[in-house]
Every structure is written in structure tokens, then in C-alpha cells.
Amino acid sequence: MAIRYLVKGAVAGAVASVAMSLPMVIARRIGLVRQHAPEAITRSLMVRSGLDRSPSRERQDLVAAALHLGFGAAGGAVYAAAAQLLARPGAPLGRVPFTLTGMLYGSGVYTVSYLGWVPALGLMPAPDRDEPARPPVMVAAHLIYGAVLARVLGRSRAARRRQS
């Protein structure tokens, strides 16, 4: 597997992280949620780690944005690696549309994160104990993440095939 493709996956993941922020921003602006999940997680990390027991809103938002982009980029690289193995003709997902595999991946990221390690580490409550609107907003955001990730990476794959 080419390192270049992993880097393209990371870039696609960062782009997808920006795109998935749209439903989170809208939900906050219309009052459905008080705080974006990445901000809540970041605040918990900063306070619990002792890095900043009382982070300012600006610092928290800056760190949250950097962590969110970094996590999304890392997720994009993982997806790119998995796509190389699973989405080839004859492979288990070879006939599944690439955008759908991305959405499945995005829902998997949500599940592993918000039903798994995030509440297990006490960074945020589990979805059934969270603000009522946040879980559906986050599911939608992760579906958008997966779809955009696959589309951006898929364009890269298509361009590479045309050059071959």
C-alpha cells in the first residue's frame, strides 16, 4: 500500500471532519445542544489531565478543533487502508458503493467512540444519558463524515485510475 494513498486518506479525513461539523454547528445555533461533542471531550481531557483546570472558551475551542481534525485525519488514513483491502473487486465489500462503505465506516466510528471509549473514559455521558438531541446529531454528523471521506478519497482513486 502506497504511503501516498494513506496521506490522501488523511487529507480526505480532515476535509470530512470539517464537513461533519455543519450539523453540529446548526444544532448548537438553533439550541438543540449546548456544546459540540468534540468540545465537551476536549474540555474533559484538558481538566482531567491537569493540562488546564479551567480552560478558556477560546483555548478549549482551538484545542478541540485541532484534535477533531487530527482524529478525522487519522480516521481517514485508517479508512484508506481498509478500503484498499476490502473494496477491491472480489473482496467482501468490492461491490458495495464506495460512498456507502464510507457511511458504514462513519457509523462505526460513532459507535466505537460514543458507545465505547468516550463514556468508558468518563469524557462524556453515554448517548442514553446525554442531551437528547446530541446522539441523533452526532449520528448524522458521522454519516456525513463517512460519505464525504469516501467521496473525496474516491475522486482520488478515480483520478489515479485515469492516469494509469
N, C-alpha and C. Protein backbone atom coordinates (compact mmCIF):
# COMPACT_ATOMS: atom_id res chain seq x y z
N MET A 1 0.84 -1.17 0.00
CA MET A 1 0.00 0.00 0.00
C MET A 1 0.89 1.24 0.00
N ALA A 2 0.59 2.16 -0.86
CA ALA A 2 1.40 3.36 -1.00
C ALA A 2 1.13 4.35 0.13
N ILE A 3 2.19 4.91 0.67
CA ILE A 3 2.08 5.93 1.71
C ILE A 3 1.27 7.10 1.18
N ARG A 4 1.43 7.39 -0.13
CA ARG A 4 0.68 8.50 -0.73
C ARG A 4 -0.82 8.33 -0.55
N TYR A 5 -1.31 7.10 -0.67
CA TYR A 5 -2.74 6.86 -0.53
C TYR A 5 -3.18 7.06 0.92
N LEU A 6 -2.34 6.70 1.88
CA LEU A 6 -2.65 6.95 3.29
C LEU A 6 -2.71 8.45 3.57
N VAL A 7 -1.79 9.19 2.97
CA VAL A 7 -1.79 10.65 3.14
C VAL A 7 -3.05 11.23 2.51
N LYS A 8 -3.45 10.73 1.34
CA LYS A 8 -4.69 11.20 0.72
C LYS A 8 -5.88 10.87 1.61
N GLY A 9 -5.84 9.71 2.25
CA GLY A 9 -6.89 9.34 3.19
C GLY A 9 -6.94 10.30 4.37
N ALA A 10 -5.77 10.68 4.87
CA ALA A 10 -5.70 11.62 5.99
C ALA A 10 -6.25 12.99 5.57
N VAL A 11 -5.91 13.44 4.39
CA VAL A 11 -6.43 14.72 3.90
C VAL A 11 -7.95 14.63 3.73
N ALA A 12 -8.41 13.53 3.14
CA ALA A 12 -9.86 13.34 2.97
C ALA A 12 -10.55 13.31 4.33
N GLY A 13 -9.92 12.69 5.32
CA GLY A 13 -10.48 12.64 6.67
C GLY A 13 -10.58 14.02 7.31
N ALA A 14 -9.58 14.86 7.07
CA ALA A 14 -9.62 16.22 7.61
C ALA A 14 -10.74 17.01 6.93
N VAL A 15 -10.86 16.88 5.62
CA VAL A 15 -11.94 17.56 4.88
C VAL A 15 -13.30 17.08 5.40
N ALA A 16 -13.42 15.77 5.59
CA ALA A 16 -14.68 15.20 6.08
C ALA A 16 -15.00 15.68 7.50
N SER A 17 -13.96 15.90 8.32
CA SER A 17 -14.17 16.42 9.67
C SER A 17 -14.76 17.82 9.64
N VAL A 18 -14.31 18.62 8.69
CA VAL A 18 -14.87 19.96 8.55
C VAL A 18 -16.33 19.85 8.11
N ALA A 19 -16.60 18.98 7.14
CA ALA A 19 -17.97 18.83 6.64
C ALA A 19 -18.92 18.34 7.72
N MET A 20 -18.46 17.43 8.57
CA MET A 20 -19.35 16.88 9.59
C MET A 20 -19.66 17.89 10.68
N SER A 21 -18.89 18.95 10.72
CA SER A 21 -19.13 19.98 11.73
C SER A 21 -20.39 20.78 11.44
N LEU A 22 -20.84 20.80 10.18
CA LEU A 22 -22.01 21.59 9.82
C LEU A 22 -23.25 21.23 10.63
N PRO A 23 -23.66 19.95 10.71
CA PRO A 23 -24.85 19.68 11.53
C PRO A 23 -24.64 19.99 13.01
N MET A 24 -23.40 19.86 13.49
CA MET A 24 -23.13 20.19 14.89
C MET A 24 -23.28 21.69 15.13
N VAL A 25 -22.77 22.49 14.21
CA VAL A 25 -22.89 23.95 14.33
C VAL A 25 -24.35 24.37 14.25
N ILE A 26 -25.08 23.80 13.31
CA ILE A 26 -26.51 24.13 13.17
C ILE A 26 -27.26 23.75 14.44
N ALA A 27 -27.00 22.56 14.96
CA ALA A 27 -27.70 22.10 16.18
C ALA A 27 -27.44 23.04 17.35
N ARG A 28 -26.22 23.52 17.44
CA ARG A 28 -25.90 24.44 18.53
C ARG A 28 -26.56 25.81 18.31
N ARG A 29 -26.51 26.29 17.09
CA ARG A 29 -27.08 27.62 16.80
C ARG A 29 -28.58 27.67 17.02
N ILE A 30 -29.27 26.56 16.75
CA ILE A 30 -30.73 26.58 16.94
C ILE A 30 -31.12 26.08 18.35
N GLY A 31 -30.12 25.82 19.18
CA GLY A 31 -30.37 25.49 20.57
C GLY A 31 -30.67 24.04 20.88
N LEU A 32 -30.38 23.14 19.95
CA LEU A 32 -30.62 21.72 20.23
C LEU A 32 -29.59 21.14 21.21
N VAL A 33 -28.36 21.63 21.13
CA VAL A 33 -27.30 21.17 22.03
C VAL A 33 -26.58 22.39 22.60
N ARG A 34 -26.04 22.21 23.80
CA ARG A 34 -25.31 23.32 24.43
C ARG A 34 -23.87 23.39 23.98
N GLN A 35 -23.27 22.23 23.72
CA GLN A 35 -21.85 22.19 23.40
C GLN A 35 -21.61 21.07 22.38
N HIS A 36 -20.72 21.33 21.42
CA HIS A 36 -20.34 20.30 20.47
C HIS A 36 -19.64 19.17 21.21
N ALA A 37 -19.85 17.95 20.78
CA ALA A 37 -19.22 16.80 21.42
C ALA A 37 -17.68 16.93 21.45
N PRO A 38 -17.02 17.31 20.35
CA PRO A 38 -15.56 17.44 20.43
C PRO A 38 -15.11 18.45 21.48
N GLU A 39 -15.89 19.51 21.69
CA GLU A 39 -15.55 20.49 22.72
C GLU A 39 -15.72 19.90 24.11
N ALA A 40 -16.79 19.14 24.31
CA ALA A 40 -17.03 18.52 25.61
C ALA A 40 -15.93 17.51 25.93
N ILE A 41 -15.55 16.71 24.94
CA ILE A 41 -14.49 15.73 25.13
C ILE A 41 -13.17 16.43 25.43
N THR A 42 -12.87 17.48 24.67
CA THR A 42 -11.62 18.22 24.87
C THR A 42 -11.57 18.84 26.25
N ARG A 43 -12.66 19.45 26.67
CA ARG A 43 -12.70 20.06 28.00
C ARG A 43 -12.42 19.00 29.07
N SER A 44 -13.07 17.86 28.96
CA SER A 44 -12.85 16.78 29.92
C SER A 44 -11.39 16.34 29.92
N LEU A 45 -10.82 16.19 28.72
CA LEU A 45 -9.41 15.79 28.62
C LEU A 45 -8.48 16.83 29.25
N MET A 46 -8.73 18.10 28.98
CA MET A 46 -7.87 19.16 29.50
C MET A 46 -7.94 19.23 31.03
N VAL A 47 -9.14 19.15 31.56
CA VAL A 47 -9.32 19.26 33.00
C VAL A 47 -8.78 18.01 33.71
N ARG A 48 -9.17 16.83 33.22
CA ARG A 48 -8.76 15.59 33.88
C ARG A 48 -7.27 15.32 33.78
N SER A 49 -6.66 15.76 32.70
CA SER A 49 -5.22 15.53 32.53
C SER A 49 -4.38 16.51 33.34
N GLY A 50 -5.01 17.58 33.81
CA GLY A 50 -4.30 18.60 34.56
C GLY A 50 -3.62 19.63 33.67
N LEU A 51 -3.80 19.52 32.35
CA LEU A 51 -3.20 20.50 31.43
C LEU A 51 -3.76 21.89 31.66
N ASP A 52 -5.06 21.95 31.95
CA ASP A 52 -5.70 23.24 32.17
C ASP A 52 -6.97 22.98 32.97
N ARG A 53 -6.94 23.29 34.23
CA ARG A 53 -8.08 23.01 35.12
C ARG A 53 -9.27 23.92 34.85
N SER A 54 -9.02 25.05 34.19
CA SER A 54 -10.09 25.99 33.87
C SER A 54 -9.83 26.61 32.50
N PRO A 55 -9.97 25.80 31.44
CA PRO A 55 -9.63 26.32 30.11
C PRO A 55 -10.59 27.42 29.66
N SER A 56 -10.03 28.44 29.03
CA SER A 56 -10.88 29.48 28.45
C SER A 56 -11.62 28.89 27.27
N ARG A 57 -12.71 29.52 26.92
CA ARG A 57 -13.52 29.05 25.78
C ARG A 57 -12.69 29.05 24.50
N GLU A 58 -11.87 30.09 24.31
CA GLU A 58 -11.05 30.19 23.10
C GLU A 58 -10.03 29.07 23.04
N ARG A 59 -9.35 28.82 24.16
CA ARG A 59 -8.33 27.75 24.19
C ARG A 59 -8.98 26.39 23.97
N GLN A 60 -10.07 26.16 24.66
CA GLN A 60 -10.79 24.89 24.53
C GLN A 60 -11.22 24.67 23.08
N ASP A 61 -11.79 25.70 22.45
CA ASP A 61 -12.25 25.57 21.07
C ASP A 61 -11.10 25.33 20.10
N LEU A 62 -9.97 25.99 20.33
CA LEU A 62 -8.80 25.80 19.47
C LEU A 62 -8.26 24.38 19.60
N VAL A 63 -8.12 23.90 20.82
CA VAL A 63 -7.62 22.54 21.04
C VAL A 63 -8.63 21.53 20.48
N ALA A 64 -9.92 21.78 20.70
CA ALA A 64 -10.96 20.87 20.18
C ALA A 64 -10.90 20.79 18.66
N ALA A 65 -10.74 21.92 17.99
CA ALA A 65 -10.67 21.92 16.53
C ALA A 65 -9.45 21.14 16.05
N ALA A 66 -8.31 21.35 16.70
CA ALA A 66 -7.09 20.63 16.30
C ALA A 66 -7.23 19.13 16.54
N LEU A 67 -7.77 18.75 17.70
CA LEU A 67 -7.96 17.32 17.97
C LEU A 67 -8.98 16.70 17.02
N HIS A 68 -10.05 17.44 16.73
CA HIS A 68 -11.09 16.92 15.83
C HIS A 68 -10.51 16.69 14.43
N LEU A 69 -9.77 17.66 13.93
CA LEU A 69 -9.14 17.49 12.61
C LEU A 69 -8.13 16.35 12.62
N GLY A 70 -7.35 16.27 13.68
CA GLY A 70 -6.35 15.19 13.78
C GLY A 70 -6.99 13.82 13.86
N PHE A 71 -8.05 13.70 14.66
CA PHE A 71 -8.76 12.43 14.78
C PHE A 71 -9.40 12.06 13.45
N GLY A 72 -10.01 13.06 12.80
CA GLY A 72 -10.62 12.81 11.49
C GLY A 72 -9.60 12.42 10.45
N ALA A 73 -8.43 13.05 10.47
CA ALA A 73 -7.36 12.70 9.52
C ALA A 73 -6.86 11.28 9.79
N ALA A 74 -6.67 10.94 11.05
CA ALA A 74 -6.22 9.58 11.38
C ALA A 74 -7.28 8.57 10.94
N GLY A 75 -8.55 8.89 11.17
CA GLY A 75 -9.63 8.02 10.72
C GLY A 75 -9.66 7.88 9.21
N GLY A 76 -9.34 8.94 8.51
CA GLY A 76 -9.29 8.88 7.05
C GLY A 76 -8.18 7.98 6.56
N ALA A 77 -7.03 8.02 7.22
CA ALA A 77 -5.92 7.13 6.84
C ALA A 77 -6.29 5.67 7.10
N VAL A 78 -6.96 5.41 8.22
CA VAL A 78 -7.40 4.04 8.52
C VAL A 78 -8.40 3.57 7.47
N TYR A 79 -9.33 4.45 7.12
CA TYR A 79 -10.32 4.09 6.09
C TYR A 79 -9.64 3.81 4.75
N ALA A 80 -8.66 4.62 4.39
CA ALA A 80 -7.94 4.41 3.13
C ALA A 80 -7.27 3.04 3.12
N ALA A 81 -6.66 2.68 4.24
CA ALA A 81 -6.00 1.38 4.33
C ALA A 81 -7.03 0.25 4.22
N ALA A 82 -8.14 0.40 4.94
CA ALA A 82 -9.19 -0.63 4.89
C ALA A 82 -9.80 -0.72 3.50
N ALA A 83 -10.00 0.43 2.86
CA ALA A 83 -10.60 0.45 1.53
C ALA A 83 -9.73 -0.30 0.53
N GLN A 84 -8.43 -0.18 0.69
CA GLN A 84 -7.51 -0.91 -0.20
C GLN A 84 -7.74 -2.41 -0.10
N LEU A 85 -8.02 -2.88 1.09
CA LEU A 85 -8.18 -4.32 1.31
C LEU A 85 -9.59 -4.82 1.05
N LEU A 86 -10.59 -4.04 1.44
CA LEU A 86 -11.97 -4.53 1.44
C LEU A 86 -12.80 -4.14 0.23
N ALA A 87 -12.41 -3.12 -0.50
CA ALA A 87 -13.26 -2.62 -1.58
C ALA A 87 -12.75 -3.01 -2.96
N ARG A 88 -11.80 -3.94 -3.02
CA ARG A 88 -11.32 -4.41 -4.33
C ARG A 88 -12.35 -5.35 -4.95
N PRO A 89 -12.39 -5.45 -6.26
CA PRO A 89 -13.29 -6.42 -6.88
C PRO A 89 -12.97 -7.82 -6.34
N GLY A 90 -14.02 -8.54 -5.95
CA GLY A 90 -13.85 -9.88 -5.40
C GLY A 90 -13.69 -9.89 -3.88
N ALA A 91 -13.40 -8.76 -3.28
CA ALA A 91 -13.28 -8.67 -1.83
C ALA A 91 -14.67 -8.53 -1.22
N PRO A 92 -14.81 -8.70 0.11
CA PRO A 92 -16.15 -8.66 0.73
C PRO A 92 -16.98 -7.43 0.39
N LEU A 93 -16.36 -6.26 0.31
CA LEU A 93 -17.11 -5.04 0.01
C LEU A 93 -16.87 -4.54 -1.41
N GLY A 94 -16.32 -5.37 -2.25
CA GLY A 94 -15.95 -4.96 -3.60
C GLY A 94 -17.09 -4.44 -4.44
N ARG A 95 -18.31 -4.90 -4.18
CA ARG A 95 -19.46 -4.46 -4.98
C ARG A 95 -20.31 -3.42 -4.28
N VAL A 96 -19.95 -3.07 -3.07
CA VAL A 96 -20.71 -2.06 -2.32
C VAL A 96 -20.24 -0.68 -2.77
N PRO A 97 -21.17 0.23 -3.07
CA PRO A 97 -20.75 1.58 -3.49
C PRO A 97 -19.82 2.21 -2.44
N PHE A 98 -18.80 2.87 -2.93
CA PHE A 98 -17.77 3.44 -2.07
C PHE A 98 -18.35 4.41 -1.05
N THR A 99 -19.33 5.22 -1.46
CA THR A 99 -19.94 6.17 -0.52
C THR A 99 -20.64 5.43 0.61
N LEU A 100 -21.28 4.32 0.31
CA LEU A 100 -21.95 3.54 1.35
C LEU A 100 -20.93 2.94 2.31
N THR A 101 -19.80 2.46 1.79
CA THR A 101 -18.78 1.93 2.71
C THR A 101 -18.27 3.04 3.63
N GLY A 102 -18.17 4.25 3.10
CA GLY A 102 -17.76 5.37 3.93
C GLY A 102 -18.77 5.67 5.02
N MET A 103 -20.05 5.62 4.67
CA MET A 103 -21.09 5.87 5.66
C MET A 103 -21.10 4.77 6.73
N LEU A 104 -20.88 3.54 6.30
CA LEU A 104 -20.78 2.44 7.27
C LEU A 104 -19.58 2.68 8.20
N TYR A 105 -18.49 3.12 7.63
CA TYR A 105 -17.30 3.42 8.42
C TYR A 105 -17.58 4.56 9.41
N GLY A 106 -18.22 5.62 8.93
CA GLY A 106 -18.56 6.74 9.81
C GLY A 106 -19.46 6.30 10.96
N SER A 107 -20.44 5.45 10.68
CA SER A 107 -21.30 4.96 11.76
C SER A 107 -20.51 4.08 12.72
N GLY A 108 -19.53 3.36 12.20
CA GLY A 108 -18.66 2.57 13.07
C GLY A 108 -17.81 3.44 13.98
N VAL A 109 -17.31 4.55 13.44
CA VAL A 109 -16.53 5.49 14.26
C VAL A 109 -17.41 6.04 15.38
N TYR A 110 -18.65 6.40 15.04
CA TYR A 110 -19.58 6.89 16.07
C TYR A 110 -19.78 5.82 17.14
N THR A 111 -20.07 4.61 16.73
CA THR A 111 -20.38 3.53 17.67
C THR A 111 -19.20 3.25 18.60
N VAL A 112 -18.03 3.08 18.02
CA VAL A 112 -16.84 2.78 18.82
C VAL A 112 -16.52 3.94 19.77
N SER A 113 -16.72 5.15 19.30
CA SER A 113 -16.39 6.32 20.12
C SER A 113 -17.46 6.59 21.18
N TYR A 114 -18.68 6.87 20.75
CA TYR A 114 -19.70 7.37 21.67
C TYR A 114 -20.43 6.29 22.46
N LEU A 115 -20.33 5.05 22.02
CA LEU A 115 -20.87 3.93 22.82
C LEU A 115 -19.73 3.15 23.47
N GLY A 116 -18.50 3.55 23.19
CA GLY A 116 -17.34 2.81 23.65
C GLY A 116 -16.39 3.61 24.51
N TRP A 117 -15.29 4.04 23.89
CA TRP A 117 -14.19 4.61 24.67
C TRP A 117 -14.51 5.97 25.31
N VAL A 118 -15.35 6.79 24.68
CA VAL A 118 -15.64 8.11 25.24
C VAL A 118 -16.36 8.00 26.60
N PRO A 119 -17.47 7.26 26.69
CA PRO A 119 -18.09 7.13 28.02
C PRO A 119 -17.26 6.24 28.96
N ALA A 120 -16.55 5.26 28.41
CA ALA A 120 -15.73 4.38 29.27
C ALA A 120 -14.65 5.17 30.00
N LEU A 121 -14.12 6.19 29.33
CA LEU A 121 -13.11 7.04 29.96
C LEU A 121 -13.72 8.19 30.76
N GLY A 122 -15.05 8.27 30.76
CA GLY A 122 -15.72 9.33 31.51
C GLY A 122 -15.59 10.70 30.89
N LEU A 123 -15.37 10.75 29.58
CA LEU A 123 -15.19 12.04 28.90
C LEU A 123 -16.52 12.70 28.56
N MET A 124 -17.53 11.88 28.36
CA MET A 124 -18.89 12.35 28.07
C MET A 124 -19.84 11.25 28.52
N PRO A 125 -21.08 11.60 28.78
CA PRO A 125 -22.04 10.54 29.11
C PRO A 125 -22.35 9.67 27.89
N ALA A 126 -22.78 8.45 28.15
CA ALA A 126 -23.26 7.58 27.08
C ALA A 126 -24.47 8.23 26.42
N PRO A 127 -24.75 7.90 25.17
CA PRO A 127 -25.86 8.55 24.46
C PRO A 127 -27.21 8.51 25.20
N ASP A 128 -27.49 7.43 25.90
CA ASP A 128 -28.78 7.36 26.60
C ASP A 128 -28.83 8.24 27.84
N ARG A 129 -27.70 8.85 28.23
CA ARG A 129 -27.67 9.76 29.38
C ARG A 129 -27.23 11.17 28.97
N ASP A 130 -27.11 11.40 27.68
CA ASP A 130 -26.63 12.68 27.16
C ASP A 130 -27.82 13.59 26.86
N GLU A 131 -27.52 14.80 26.41
CA GLU A 131 -28.58 15.69 25.95
C GLU A 131 -29.37 14.94 24.88
N PRO A 132 -30.70 14.99 24.92
CA PRO A 132 -31.49 14.17 23.99
C PRO A 132 -31.18 14.37 22.52
N ALA A 133 -30.87 15.59 22.11
CA ALA A 133 -30.65 15.86 20.68
C ALA A 133 -29.24 15.51 20.22
N ARG A 134 -28.29 15.41 21.14
CA ARG A 134 -26.90 15.21 20.70
C ARG A 134 -26.68 13.88 19.97
N PRO A 135 -27.17 12.74 20.46
CA PRO A 135 -26.91 11.49 19.73
C PRO A 135 -27.38 11.50 18.28
N PRO A 136 -28.63 11.92 17.98
CA PRO A 136 -29.01 11.92 16.56
C PRO A 136 -28.19 12.91 15.72
N VAL A 137 -27.82 14.04 16.31
CA VAL A 137 -26.98 15.00 15.60
C VAL A 137 -25.62 14.36 15.30
N MET A 138 -25.07 13.66 16.28
CA MET A 138 -23.75 13.05 16.10
C MET A 138 -23.79 11.88 15.12
N VAL A 139 -24.88 11.12 15.13
CA VAL A 139 -25.01 10.04 14.13
C VAL A 139 -25.04 10.66 12.73
N ALA A 140 -25.85 11.69 12.54
CA ALA A 140 -25.91 12.36 11.24
C ALA A 140 -24.55 12.91 10.84
N ALA A 141 -23.86 13.54 11.80
CA ALA A 141 -22.54 14.10 11.51
C ALA A 141 -21.56 13.01 11.09
N HIS A 142 -21.62 11.85 11.72
CA HIS A 142 -20.69 10.77 11.37
C HIS A 142 -21.05 10.12 10.03
N LEU A 143 -22.32 10.09 9.68
CA LEU A 143 -22.70 9.62 8.34
C LEU A 143 -22.17 10.58 7.28
N ILE A 144 -22.27 11.88 7.55
CA ILE A 144 -21.70 12.88 6.64
C ILE A 144 -20.19 12.71 6.55
N TYR A 145 -19.53 12.52 7.70
CA TYR A 145 -18.08 12.29 7.70
C TYR A 145 -17.73 11.13 6.76
N GLY A 146 -18.41 10.01 6.93
CA GLY A 146 -18.10 8.84 6.12
C GLY A 146 -18.36 9.06 4.64
N ALA A 147 -19.49 9.70 4.32
CA ALA A 147 -19.82 9.94 2.92
C ALA A 147 -18.81 10.88 2.26
N VAL A 148 -18.48 11.97 2.95
CA VAL A 148 -17.51 12.93 2.38
C VAL A 148 -16.14 12.28 2.28
N LEU A 149 -15.74 11.55 3.31
CA LEU A 149 -14.46 10.85 3.28
C LEU A 149 -14.36 9.95 2.05
N ALA A 150 -15.39 9.14 1.84
CA ALA A 150 -15.38 8.22 0.69
C ALA A 150 -15.40 8.96 -0.64
N ARG A 151 -16.20 10.02 -0.72
CA ARG A 151 -16.28 10.77 -1.99
C ARG A 151 -14.95 11.44 -2.32
N VAL A 152 -14.33 12.08 -1.32
CA VAL A 152 -13.05 12.75 -1.57
C VAL A 152 -11.99 11.73 -1.92
N LEU A 153 -11.92 10.65 -1.16
CA LEU A 153 -10.94 9.60 -1.44
C LEU A 153 -11.26 8.88 -2.74
N GLY A 154 -12.55 8.70 -3.02
CA GLY A 154 -12.97 8.05 -4.26
C GLY A 154 -12.57 8.85 -5.48
N ARG A 155 -12.63 10.16 -5.39
CA ARG A 155 -12.18 11.01 -6.50
C ARG A 155 -10.69 10.81 -6.72
N SER A 156 -9.97 10.68 -5.63
CA SER A 156 -8.53 10.44 -5.71
C SER A 156 -8.26 9.09 -6.39
N ARG A 157 -9.05 8.07 -6.03
CA ARG A 157 -8.89 6.75 -6.65
C ARG A 157 -9.22 6.79 -8.14
N ALA A 158 -10.31 7.50 -8.48
CA ALA A 158 -10.71 7.60 -9.88
C ALA A 158 -9.65 8.33 -10.70
N ALA A 159 -9.10 9.39 -10.15
CA ALA A 159 -8.05 10.14 -10.86
C ALA A 159 -6.82 9.27 -11.06
N ARG A 160 -6.49 8.48 -10.04
CA ARG A 160 -5.33 7.59 -10.15
C ARG A 160 -5.56 6.53 -11.23
N ARG A 161 -6.79 6.01 -11.31
CA ARG A 161 -7.09 5.01 -12.35
C ARG A 161 -7.00 5.61 -13.74
N ARG A 162 -7.46 6.87 -13.90
CA ARG A 162 -7.41 7.53 -15.20
C ARG A 162 -5.96 7.76 -15.64
N GLN A 163 -5.07 7.99 -14.68
CA GLN A 163 -3.67 8.23 -15.01
C GLN A 163 -2.93 6.95 -15.38
N SER A 164 -3.47 5.81 -14.94
CA SER A 164 -2.79 4.52 -15.22
C SER A 164 -2.92 4.09 -16.64
